[in-house]
Amino acid sequence: THKAENVPGSFLVFRTSIFEKIGGFDEKYFLYMEDCDI
């Protein structure tokens, strides 16, 4: 287990408070780069 720099989006789990704080996924992205961004 360790801090992750870039997690692929095939399966992500978020605390609701963190997901709300960051504003969720950015709609400007398509596939892979949205994972990098989030």
PDB file of all heavy atoms in Angstrom:
ATOM      1  N   THR A   1       0.858  -1.187   0.000  1.00  0.00           N
ATOM      2  CA  THR A   1       0.000   0.000   0.000  1.00  0.00           C
ATOM      3  C   THR A   1       0.894   1.236   0.000  1.00  0.00           C
ATOM      4  O   THR A   1       1.850   1.311   0.760  1.00  0.00           O
ATOM      5  CB  THR A   1      -0.897   0.005   1.245  1.00  0.00           C
ATOM      6  OG1 THR A   1      -1.698  -1.178   1.234  1.00  0.00           O
ATOM      7  CG2 THR A   1      -1.794   1.229   1.282  1.00  0.00           C
ATOM      8  N   HIS A   2       0.589   2.187  -0.872  1.00  0.00           N
ATOM      9  CA  HIS A   2       1.372   3.424  -0.907  1.00  0.00           C
ATOM     10  C   HIS A   2       0.616   4.513  -1.657  1.00  0.00           C
ATOM     11  O   HIS A   2      -0.383   4.251  -2.322  1.00  0.00           O
ATOM     12  CB  HIS A   2       2.748   3.193  -1.539  1.00  0.00           C
ATOM     13  CG  HIS A   2       2.703   2.580  -2.908  1.00  0.00           C
ATOM     14  ND1 HIS A   2       2.616   3.313  -4.062  1.00  0.00           N
ATOM     15  CD2 HIS A   2       2.724   1.285  -3.289  1.00  0.00           C
ATOM     16  CE1 HIS A   2       2.598   2.498  -5.096  1.00  0.00           C
ATOM     17  NE2 HIS A   2       2.653   1.269  -4.661  1.00  0.00           N
ATOM     18  N   LYS A   3       1.096   5.735  -1.502  1.00  0.00           N
ATOM     19  CA  LYS A   3       0.502   6.877  -2.192  1.00  0.00           C
ATOM     20  C   LYS A   3       0.621   6.670  -3.697  1.00  0.00           C
ATOM     21  O   LYS A   3       1.631   6.183  -4.193  1.00  0.00           O
ATOM     22  CB  LYS A   3       1.210   8.175  -1.785  1.00  0.00           C
ATOM     23  CG  LYS A   3       0.546   9.395  -2.368  1.00  0.00           C
ATOM     24  CD  LYS A   3       1.159  10.687  -1.843  1.00  0.00           C
ATOM     25  CE  LYS A   3       0.473  11.860  -2.518  1.00  0.00           C
ATOM     26  NZ  LYS A   3       0.983  13.135  -2.068  1.00  0.00           N
ATOM     27  N   ALA A   4      -0.430   7.036  -4.416  1.00  0.00           N
ATOM     28  CA  ALA A   4      -0.478   6.824  -5.863  1.00  0.00           C
ATOM     29  C   ALA A   4      -0.435   8.158  -6.594  1.00  0.00           C
ATOM     30  O   ALA A   4      -1.114   9.109  -6.220  1.00  0.00           O
ATOM     31  CB  ALA A   4      -1.750   6.076  -6.236  1.00  0.00           C
ATOM     32  N   GLU A   5       0.376   8.216  -7.641  1.00  0.00           N
ATOM     33  CA  GLU A   5       0.484   9.427  -8.460  1.00  0.00           C
ATOM     34  C   GLU A   5      -0.568   9.467  -9.560  1.00  0.00           C
ATOM     35  O   GLU A   5      -0.992  10.531  -9.995  1.00  0.00           O
ATOM     36  CB  GLU A   5       1.868   9.492  -9.122  1.00  0.00           C
ATOM     37  CG  GLU A   5       3.013   9.653  -8.172  1.00  0.00           C
ATOM     38  CD  GLU A   5       4.355   9.649  -8.893  1.00  0.00           C
ATOM     39  OE1 GLU A   5       4.410   9.880 -10.107  1.00  0.00           O
ATOM     40  OE2 GLU A   5       5.359   9.412  -8.217  1.00  0.00           O
ATOM     41  N   ASN A   6      -0.959   8.291 -10.070  1.00  0.00           N
ATOM     42  CA  ASN A   6      -1.821   8.231 -11.246  1.00  0.00           C
ATOM     43  C   ASN A   6      -2.556   6.889 -11.223  1.00  0.00           C
ATOM     44  O   ASN A   6      -1.962   5.861 -11.499  1.00  0.00           O
ATOM     45  CB  ASN A   6      -0.963   8.362 -12.500  1.00  0.00           C
ATOM     46  CG  ASN A   6      -1.764   8.423 -13.772  1.00  0.00           C
ATOM     47  OD1 ASN A   6      -2.966   8.225 -13.805  1.00  0.00           O
ATOM     48  ND2 ASN A   6      -1.070   8.689 -14.858  1.00  0.00           N
ATOM     49  N   VAL A   7      -3.832   6.914 -10.892  1.00  0.00           N
ATOM     50  CA  VAL A   7      -4.604   5.684 -10.760  1.00  0.00           C
ATOM     51  C   VAL A   7      -5.505   5.504 -11.981  1.00  0.00           C
ATOM     52  O   VAL A   7      -6.296   6.384 -12.289  1.00  0.00           O
ATOM     53  CB  VAL A   7      -5.464   5.718  -9.477  1.00  0.00           C
ATOM     54  CG1 VAL A   7      -6.273   4.442  -9.340  1.00  0.00           C
ATOM     55  CG2 VAL A   7      -4.590   5.940  -8.257  1.00  0.00           C
ATOM     56  N   PRO A   8      -5.397   4.364 -12.668  1.00  0.00           N
ATOM     57  CA  PRO A   8      -6.287   4.103 -13.801  1.00  0.00           C
ATOM     58  C   PRO A   8      -7.736   4.021 -13.342  1.00  0.00           C
ATOM     59  O   PRO A   8      -8.014   3.553 -12.241  1.00  0.00           O
ATOM     60  CB  PRO A   8      -5.826   2.757 -14.355  1.00  0.00           C
ATOM     61  CG  PRO A   8      -4.503   2.502 -13.748  1.00  0.00           C
ATOM     62  CD  PRO A   8      -4.427   3.297 -12.479  1.00  0.00           C
ATOM     63  N   GLY A   9      -8.641   4.437 -14.176  1.00  0.00           N
ATOM     64  CA  GLY A   9     -10.044   4.548 -13.794  1.00  0.00           C
ATOM     65  C   GLY A   9     -10.915   3.345 -13.982  1.00  0.00           C
ATOM     66  O   GLY A   9     -12.133   3.461 -13.917  1.00  0.00           O
ATOM     67  N   SER A  10     -10.338   2.172 -14.236  1.00  0.00           N
ATOM     68  CA  SER A  10     -11.204   1.012 -14.386  1.00  0.00           C
ATOM     69  C   SER A  10     -11.949   0.718 -13.081  1.00  0.00           C
ATOM     70  O   SER A  10     -13.031   0.149 -13.094  1.00  0.00           O
ATOM     71  CB  SER A  10     -10.404  -0.215 -14.836  1.00  0.00           C
ATOM     72  OG  SER A  10      -9.388  -0.513 -13.906  1.00  0.00           O
ATOM     73  N   PHE A  11     -11.379   1.150 -11.972  1.00  0.00           N
ATOM     74  CA  PHE A  11     -12.058   0.995 -10.688  1.00  0.00           C
ATOM     75  C   PHE A  11     -11.443   1.949  -9.677  1.00  0.00           C
ATOM     76  O   PHE A  11     -10.302   1.776  -9.259  1.00  0.00           O
ATOM     77  CB  PHE A  11     -11.947  -0.445 -10.175  1.00  0.00           C
ATOM     78  CG  PHE A  11     -12.831  -0.714  -9.001  1.00  0.00           C
ATOM     79  CD1 PHE A  11     -14.174  -0.969  -9.188  1.00  0.00           C
ATOM     80  CD2 PHE A  11     -12.321  -0.694  -7.718  1.00  0.00           C
ATOM     81  CE1 PHE A  11     -15.001  -1.221  -8.098  1.00  0.00           C
ATOM     82  CE2 PHE A  11     -13.131  -0.938  -6.629  1.00  0.00           C
ATOM     83  CZ  PHE A  11     -14.474  -1.214  -6.823  1.00  0.00           C
ATOM     84  N   LEU A  12     -12.198   2.953  -9.298  1.00  0.00           N
ATOM     85  CA  LEU A  12     -11.745   3.926  -8.302  1.00  0.00           C
ATOM     86  C   LEU A  12     -12.771   3.986  -7.179  1.00  0.00           C
ATOM     87  O   LEU A  12     -13.975   3.874  -7.427  1.00  0.00           O
ATOM     88  CB  LEU A  12     -11.638   5.325  -8.915  1.00  0.00           C
ATOM     89  CG  LEU A  12     -10.652   5.520 -10.053  1.00  0.00           C
ATOM     90  CD1 LEU A  12     -10.867   6.888 -10.701  1.00  0.00           C
ATOM     91  CD2 LEU A  12      -9.241   5.418  -9.529  1.00  0.00           C
ATOM     92  N   VAL A  13     -12.305   4.175  -5.956  1.00  0.00           N
ATOM     93  CA  VAL A  13     -13.188   4.344  -4.811  1.00  0.00           C
ATOM     94  C   VAL A  13     -12.802   5.659  -4.148  1.00  0.00           C
ATOM     95  O   VAL A  13     -11.618   5.923  -3.928  1.00  0.00           O
ATOM     96  CB  VAL A  13     -13.038   3.181  -3.803  1.00  0.00           C
ATOM     97  CG1 VAL A  13     -13.895   3.419  -2.576  1.00  0.00           C
ATOM     98  CG2 VAL A  13     -13.377   1.859  -4.457  1.00  0.00           C
ATOM     99  N   PHE A  14     -13.812   6.488  -3.857  1.00  0.00           N
ATOM    100  CA  PHE A  14     -13.572   7.790  -3.233  1.00  0.00           C
ATOM    101  C   PHE A  14     -14.384   7.910  -1.955  1.00  0.00           C
ATOM    102  O   PHE A  14     -15.500   7.398  -1.875  1.00  0.00           O
ATOM    103  CB  PHE A  14     -14.058   8.936  -4.148  1.00  0.00           C
ATOM    104  CG  PHE A  14     -13.335   9.071  -5.427  1.00  0.00           C
ATOM    105  CD1 PHE A  14     -13.771   8.411  -6.567  1.00  0.00           C
ATOM    106  CD2 PHE A  14     -12.211   9.878  -5.520  1.00  0.00           C
ATOM    107  CE1 PHE A  14     -13.108   8.548  -7.767  1.00  0.00           C
ATOM    108  CE2 PHE A  14     -11.539  10.014  -6.711  1.00  0.00           C
ATOM    109  CZ  PHE A  14     -11.996   9.351  -7.836  1.00  0.00           C
ATOM    110  N   ARG A  15     -13.854   8.630  -0.999  1.00  0.00           N
ATOM    111  CA  ARG A  15     -14.688   9.110   0.090  1.00  0.00           C
ATOM    112  C   ARG A  15     -15.569  10.195  -0.513  1.00  0.00           C
ATOM    113  O   ARG A  15     -15.093  11.035  -1.285  1.00  0.00           O
ATOM    114  CB  ARG A  15     -13.844   9.711   1.209  1.00  0.00           C
ATOM    115  CG  ARG A  15     -13.129   8.690   2.010  1.00  0.00           C
ATOM    116  CD  ARG A  15     -12.519   9.330   3.250  1.00  0.00           C
ATOM    117  NE  ARG A  15     -11.919   8.276   4.041  1.00  0.00           N
ATOM    118  CZ  ARG A  15     -10.760   8.383   4.649  1.00  0.00           C
ATOM    119  NH1 ARG A  15     -10.078   9.509   4.580  1.00  0.00           N
ATOM    120  NH2 ARG A  15     -10.292   7.385   5.352  1.00  0.00           N
ATOM    121  N   THR A  16     -16.829  10.197  -0.149  1.00  0.00           N
ATOM    122  CA  THR A  16     -17.763  11.183  -0.703  1.00  0.00           C
ATOM    123  C   THR A  16     -17.282  12.598  -0.440  1.00  0.00           C
ATOM    124  O   THR A  16     -17.345  13.450  -1.329  1.00  0.00           O
ATOM    125  CB  THR A  16     -19.173  10.967  -0.116  1.00  0.00           C
ATOM    126  OG1 THR A  16     -19.596   9.632  -0.413  1.00  0.00           O
ATOM    127  CG2 THR A  16     -20.165  11.965  -0.696  1.00  0.00           C
ATOM    128  N   SER A  17     -16.754  12.850   0.745  1.00  0.00           N
ATOM    129  CA  SER A  17     -16.301  14.207   1.085  1.00  0.00           C
ATOM    130  C   SER A  17     -15.163  14.658   0.167  1.00  0.00           C
ATOM    131  O   SER A  17     -15.116  15.829  -0.239  1.00  0.00           O
ATOM    132  CB  SER A  17     -15.857  14.281   2.548  1.00  0.00           C
ATOM    133  OG  SER A  17     -14.775  13.385   2.783  1.00  0.00           O
ATOM    134  N   ILE A  18     -14.252  13.754  -0.181  1.00  0.00           N
ATOM    135  CA  ILE A  18     -13.137  14.098  -1.071  1.00  0.00           C
ATOM    136  C   ILE A  18     -13.661  14.316  -2.481  1.00  0.00           C
ATOM    137  O   ILE A  18     -13.290  15.289  -3.155  1.00  0.00           O
ATOM    138  CB  ILE A  18     -12.051  12.997  -1.062  1.00  0.00           C
ATOM    139  CG1 ILE A  18     -11.456  12.835   0.338  1.00  0.00           C
ATOM    140  CG2 ILE A  18     -10.972  13.273  -2.102  1.00  0.00           C
ATOM    141  CD1 ILE A  18     -10.752  14.057   0.881  1.00  0.00           C
ATOM    142  N   PHE A  19     -14.532  13.435  -2.944  1.00  0.00           N
ATOM    143  CA  PHE A  19     -15.101  13.552  -4.288  1.00  0.00           C
ATOM    144  C   PHE A  19     -15.843  14.880  -4.443  1.00  0.00           C
ATOM    145  O   PHE A  19     -15.713  15.564  -5.459  1.00  0.00           O
ATOM    146  CB  PHE A  19     -16.021  12.365  -4.578  1.00  0.00           C
ATOM    147  CG  PHE A  19     -16.395  12.217  -6.011  1.00  0.00           C
ATOM    148  CD1 PHE A  19     -15.469  11.773  -6.945  1.00  0.00           C
ATOM    149  CD2 PHE A  19     -17.680  12.507  -6.441  1.00  0.00           C
ATOM    150  CE1 PHE A  19     -15.807  11.624  -8.279  1.00  0.00           C
ATOM    151  CE2 PHE A  19     -18.031  12.354  -7.771  1.00  0.00           C
ATOM    152  CZ  PHE A  19     -17.095  11.916  -8.693  1.00  0.00           C
ATOM    153  N   GLU A  20     -16.596  15.277  -3.431  1.00  0.00           N
ATOM    154  CA  GLU A  20     -17.307  16.559  -3.471  1.00  0.00           C
ATOM    155  C   GLU A  20     -16.330  17.728  -3.413  1.00  0.00           C
ATOM    156  O   GLU A  20     -16.510  18.736  -4.106  1.00  0.00           O
ATOM    157  CB  GLU A  20     -18.310  16.639  -2.325  1.00  0.00           C
ATOM    158  CG  GLU A  20     -19.496  15.715  -2.520  1.00  0.00           C
ATOM    159  CD  GLU A  20     -20.397  15.622  -1.299  1.00  0.00           C
ATOM    160  OE1 GLU A  20     -20.001  16.071  -0.191  1.00  0.00           O
ATOM    161  OE2 GLU A  20     -21.512  15.076  -1.450  1.00  0.00           O
ATOM    162  N   LYS A  21     -15.291  17.609  -2.597  1.00  0.00           N
ATOM    163  CA  LYS A  21     -14.305  18.685  -2.444  1.00  0.00           C
ATOM    164  C   LYS A  21     -13.577  18.981  -3.758  1.00  0.00           C
ATOM    165  O   LYS A  21     -13.306  20.141  -4.074  1.00  0.00           O
ATOM    166  CB  LYS A  21     -13.287  18.306  -1.371  1.00  0.00           C
ATOM    167  CG  LYS A  21     -12.398  19.425  -0.924  1.00  0.00           C
ATOM    168  CD  LYS A  21     -11.478  18.935   0.193  1.00  0.00           C
ATOM    169  CE  LYS A  21     -11.531  19.892   1.334  1.00  0.00           C
ATOM    170  NZ  LYS A  21     -10.694  19.500   2.463  1.00  0.00           N
ATOM    171  N   ILE A  22     -13.270  17.946  -4.532  1.00  0.00           N
ATOM    172  CA  ILE A  22     -12.546  18.143  -5.793  1.00  0.00           C
ATOM    173  C   ILE A  22     -13.482  18.426  -6.965  1.00  0.00           C
ATOM    174  O   ILE A  22     -13.026  18.717  -8.063  1.00  0.00           O
ATOM    175  CB  ILE A  22     -11.632  16.951  -6.122  1.00  0.00           C
ATOM    176  CG1 ILE A  22     -12.440  15.680  -6.356  1.00  0.00           C
ATOM    177  CG2 ILE A  22     -10.582  16.769  -5.038  1.00  0.00           C
ATOM    178  CD1 ILE A  22     -11.634  14.508  -6.880  1.00  0.00           C
ATOM    179  N   GLY A  23     -14.772  18.330  -6.748  1.00  0.00           N
ATOM    180  CA  GLY A  23     -15.731  18.623  -7.810  1.00  0.00           C
ATOM    181  C   GLY A  23     -15.931  17.486  -8.799  1.00  0.00           C
ATOM    182  O   GLY A  23     -16.405  17.710  -9.919  1.00  0.00           O
ATOM    183  N   GLY A  24     -15.585  16.280  -8.405  1.00  0.00           N
ATOM    184  CA  GLY A  24     -15.817  15.119  -9.265  1.00  0.00           C
ATOM    185  C   GLY A  24     -14.931  15.108 -10.499  1.00  0.00           C
ATOM    186  O   GLY A  24     -13.888  15.755 -10.556  1.00  0.00           O
ATOM    187  N   PHE A  25     -15.373  14.361 -11.486  1.00  0.00           N
ATOM    188  CA  PHE A  25     -14.633  14.257 -12.750  1.00  0.00           C
ATOM    189  C   PHE A  25     -14.816  15.511 -13.585  1.00  0.00           C
ATOM    190  O   PHE A  25     -15.868  16.148 -13.555  1.00  0.00           O
ATOM    191  CB  PHE A  25     -15.128  13.051 -13.564  1.00  0.00           C
ATOM    192  CG  PHE A  25     -14.664  11.730 -13.031  1.00  0.00           C
ATOM    193  CD1 PHE A  25     -15.482  10.988 -12.192  1.00  0.00           C
ATOM    194  CD2 PHE A  25     -13.415  11.233 -13.363  1.00  0.00           C
ATOM    195  CE1 PHE A  25     -15.059   9.766 -11.697  1.00  0.00           C
ATOM    196  CE2 PHE A  25     -12.976  10.022 -12.873  1.00  0.00           C
ATOM    197  CZ  PHE A  25     -13.805   9.281 -12.035  1.00  0.00           C
ATOM    198  N   ASP A  26     -13.806  15.866 -14.338  1.00  0.00           N
ATOM    199  CA  ASP A  26     -13.851  17.007 -15.249  1.00  0.00           C
ATOM    200  C   ASP A  26     -14.369  16.524 -16.592  1.00  0.00           C
ATOM    201  O   ASP A  26     -13.790  15.636 -17.212  1.00  0.00           O
ATOM    202  CB  ASP A  26     -12.439  17.587 -15.399  1.00  0.00           C
ATOM    203  CG  ASP A  26     -12.424  18.901 -16.144  1.00  0.00           C
ATOM    204  OD1 ASP A  26     -13.282  19.117 -17.020  1.00  0.00           O
ATOM    205  OD2 ASP A  26     -11.526  19.718 -15.865  1.00  0.00           O
ATOM    206  N   GLU A  27     -15.444  17.110 -17.058  1.00  0.00           N
ATOM    207  CA  GLU A  27     -16.092  16.680 -18.299  1.00  0.00           C
ATOM    208  C   GLU A  27     -15.282  16.990 -19.560  1.00  0.00           C
ATOM    209  O   GLU A  27     -15.628  16.530 -20.643  1.00  0.00           O
ATOM    210  CB  GLU A  27     -17.474  17.341 -18.419  1.00  0.00           C
ATOM    211  CG  GLU A  27     -18.449  16.910 -17.338  1.00  0.00           C
ATOM    212  CD  GLU A  27     -18.862  15.449 -17.466  1.00  0.00           C
ATOM    213  OE1 GLU A  27     -19.001  14.958 -18.595  1.00  0.00           O
ATOM    214  OE2 GLU A  27     -19.029  14.799 -16.410  1.00  0.00           O
ATOM    215  N   LYS A  28     -14.196  17.734 -19.448  1.00  0.00           N
ATOM    216  CA  LYS A  28     -13.376  18.066 -20.624  1.00  0.00           C
ATOM    217  C   LYS A  28     -12.544  16.887 -21.113  1.00  0.00           C
ATOM    218  O   LYS A  28     -11.977  16.942 -22.188  1.00  0.00           O
ATOM    219  CB  LYS A  28     -12.444  19.230 -20.316  1.00  0.00           C
ATOM    220  CG  LYS A  28     -13.138  20.549 -20.150  1.00  0.00           C
ATOM    221  CD  LYS A  28     -12.121  21.634 -19.893  1.00  0.00           C
ATOM    222  CE  LYS A  28     -12.427  22.223 -18.561  1.00  0.00           C
ATOM    223  NZ  LYS A  28     -11.421  22.636 -17.715  1.00  0.00           N
ATOM    224  N   TYR A  29     -12.461  15.839 -20.297  1.00  0.00           N
ATOM    225  CA  TYR A  29     -11.583  14.719 -20.630  1.00  0.00           C
ATOM    226  C   TYR A  29     -12.343  13.550 -21.238  1.00  0.00           C
ATOM    227  O   TYR A  29     -13.522  13.348 -20.979  1.00  0.00           O
ATOM    228  CB  TYR A  29     -10.842  14.223 -19.383  1.00  0.00           C
ATOM    229  CG  TYR A  29      -9.901  15.234 -18.819  1.00  0.00           C
ATOM    230  CD1 TYR A  29     -10.228  15.953 -17.686  1.00  0.00           C
ATOM    231  CD2 TYR A  29      -8.682  15.482 -19.428  1.00  0.00           C
ATOM    232  CE1 TYR A  29      -9.351  16.888 -17.162  1.00  0.00           C
ATOM    233  CE2 TYR A  29      -7.808  16.421 -18.913  1.00  0.00           C
ATOM    234  CZ  TYR A  29      -8.152  17.110 -17.773  1.00  0.00           C
ATOM    235  OH  TYR A  29      -7.290  18.035 -17.265  1.00  0.00           O
ATOM    236  N   PHE A  30     -11.593  12.753 -22.002  1.00  0.00           N
ATOM    237  CA  PHE A  30     -12.095  11.522 -22.588  1.00  0.00           C
ATOM    238  C   PHE A  30     -11.147  10.405 -22.178  1.00  0.00           C
ATOM    239  O   PHE A  30      -9.948  10.459 -22.434  1.00  0.00           O
ATOM    240  CB  PHE A  30     -12.123  11.652 -24.121  1.00  0.00           C
ATOM    241  CG  PHE A  30     -12.483  10.387 -24.832  1.00  0.00           C
ATOM    242  CD1 PHE A  30     -13.794   9.974 -24.901  1.00  0.00           C
ATOM    243  CD2 PHE A  30     -11.511   9.627 -25.451  1.00  0.00           C
ATOM    244  CE1 PHE A  30     -14.141   8.816 -25.569  1.00  0.00           C
ATOM    245  CE2 PHE A  30     -11.843   8.468 -26.135  1.00  0.00           C
ATOM    246  CZ  PHE A  30     -13.161   8.053 -26.188  1.00  0.00           C
ATOM    247  N   LEU A  31     -11.668   9.429 -21.503  1.00  0.00           N
ATOM    248  CA  LEU A  31     -10.905   8.254 -21.075  1.00  0.00           C
ATOM    249  C   LEU A  31      -9.653   8.594 -20.286  1.00  0.00           C
ATOM    250  O   LEU A  31      -9.713   9.377 -19.360  1.00  0.00           O
ATOM    251  CB  LEU A  31     -10.583   7.351 -22.265  1.00  0.00           C
ATOM    252  CG  LEU A  31     -11.770   6.588 -22.830  1.00  0.00           C
ATOM    253  CD1 LEU A  31     -11.361   5.810 -24.066  1.00  0.00           C
ATOM    254  CD2 LEU A  31     -12.384   5.649 -21.819  1.00  0.00           C
ATOM    255  N   TYR A  32      -8.518   8.060 -20.643  1.00  0.00           N
ATOM    256  CA  TYR A  32      -7.322   7.977 -19.807  1.00  0.00           C
ATOM    257  C   TYR A  32      -6.921   9.239 -19.058  1.00  0.00           C
ATOM    258  O   TYR A  32      -6.532   9.167 -17.904  1.00  0.00           O
ATOM    259  CB  TYR A  32      -6.131   7.492 -20.640  1.00  0.00           C
ATOM    260  CG  TYR A  32      -6.446   6.227 -21.368  1.00  0.00           C
ATOM    261  CD1 TYR A  32      -6.643   6.235 -22.739  1.00  0.00           C
ATOM    262  CD2 TYR A  32      -6.590   5.035 -20.681  1.00  0.00           C
ATOM    263  CE1 TYR A  32      -6.965   5.068 -23.412  1.00  0.00           C
ATOM    264  CE2 TYR A  32      -6.914   3.862 -21.343  1.00  0.00           C
ATOM    265  CZ  TYR A  32      -7.108   3.886 -22.709  1.00  0.00           C
ATOM    266  OH  TYR A  32      -7.428   2.750 -23.358  1.00  0.00           O
ATOM    267  N   MET A  33      -6.977  10.371 -19.661  1.00  0.00           N
ATOM    268  CA  MET A  33      -6.479  11.578 -19.008  1.00  0.00           C
ATOM    269  C   MET A  33      -7.390  12.043 -17.875  1.00  0.00           C
ATOM    270  O   MET A  33      -6.941  12.737 -16.973  1.00  0.00           O
ATOM    271  CB  MET A  33      -6.253  12.695 -20.020  1.00  0.00           C
ATOM    272  CG  MET A  33      -5.258  12.337 -21.114  1.00  0.00           C
ATOM    273  SD  MET A  33      -3.729  11.521 -20.575  1.00  0.00           S
ATOM    274  CE  MET A  33      -2.866  12.839 -19.781  1.00  0.00           C
ATOM    275  N   GLU A  34      -8.664  11.653 -17.889  1.00  0.00           N
ATOM    276  CA  GLU A  34      -9.526  12.009 -16.763  1.00  0.00           C
ATOM    277  C   GLU A  34      -9.060  11.302 -15.493  1.00  0.00           C
ATOM    278  O   GLU A  34      -9.178  11.840 -14.399  1.00  0.00           O
ATOM    279  CB  GLU A  34     -10.985  11.694 -17.060  1.00  0.00           C
ATOM    280  CG  GLU A  34     -11.329  10.224 -17.105  1.00  0.00           C
ATOM    281  CD  GLU A  34     -12.778   9.953 -17.491  1.00  0.00           C
ATOM    282  OE1 GLU A  34     -13.589  10.890 -17.532  1.00  0.00           O
ATOM    283  OE2 GLU A  34     -13.084   8.784 -17.735  1.00  0.00           O
ATOM    284  N   ASP A  35      -8.484  10.098 -15.654  1.00  0.00           N
ATOM    285  CA  ASP A  35      -7.941   9.377 -14.508  1.00  0.00           C
ATOM    286  C   ASP A  35      -6.737  10.121 -13.930  1.00  0.00           C
ATOM    287  O   ASP A  35      -6.605  10.251 -12.711  1.00  0.00           O
ATOM    288  CB  ASP A  35      -7.502   7.970 -14.904  1.00  0.00           C
ATOM    289  CG  ASP A  35      -8.564   7.195 -15.647  1.00  0.00           C
ATOM    290  OD1 ASP A  35      -9.754   7.565 -15.552  1.00  0.00           O
ATOM    291  OD2 ASP A  35      -8.206   6.228 -16.332  1.00  0.00           O
ATOM    292  N   CYS A  36      -5.868  10.576 -14.813  1.00  0.00           N
ATOM    293  CA  CYS A  36      -4.689  11.346 -14.383  1.00  0.00           C
ATOM    294  C   CYS A  36      -5.132  12.608 -13.658  1.00  0.00           C
ATOM    295  O   CYS A  36      -4.608  12.950 -12.594  1.00  0.00           O
ATOM    296  CB  CYS A  36      -3.829  11.733 -15.585  1.00  0.00           C
ATOM    297  SG  CYS A  36      -3.249  10.372 -16.594  1.00  0.00           S
ATOM    298  N   ASP A  37      -6.094  13.299 -14.236  1.00  0.00           N
ATOM    299  CA  ASP A  37      -6.571  14.556 -13.677  1.00  0.00           C
ATOM    300  C   ASP A  37      -7.193  14.362 -12.294  1.00  0.00           C
ATOM    301  O   ASP A  37      -6.871  15.089 -11.357  1.00  0.00           O
ATOM    302  CB  ASP A  37      -7.594  15.199 -14.619  1.00  0.00           C
ATOM    303  CG  ASP A  37      -8.151  16.486 -14.079  1.00  0.00           C
ATOM    304  OD1 ASP A  37      -7.399  17.477 -14.022  1.00  0.00           O
ATOM    305  OD2 ASP A  37      -9.345  16.524 -13.701  1.00  0.00           O
ATOM    306  N   ILE A  38      -8.068  13.374 -12.159  1.00  0.00           N
ATOM    307  CA  ILE A  38      -8.748  13.216 -10.865  1.00  0.00           C
ATOM    308  C   ILE A  38      -7.776  12.772  -9.782  1.00  0.00           C
ATOM    309  O   ILE A  38      -7.894  13.180  -8.636  1.00  0.00           O
ATOM    310  CB  ILE A  38      -9.989  12.297 -10.965  1.00  0.00           C
ATOM    311  CG1 ILE A  38     -10.931  12.618  -9.810  1.00  0.00           C
ATOM    312  CG2 ILE A  38      -9.610  10.825 -11.039  1.00  0.00           C
ATOM    313  CD1 ILE A  38     -12.362  12.243 -10.022  1.00  0.00           C
TER     314      ILE A  38
END
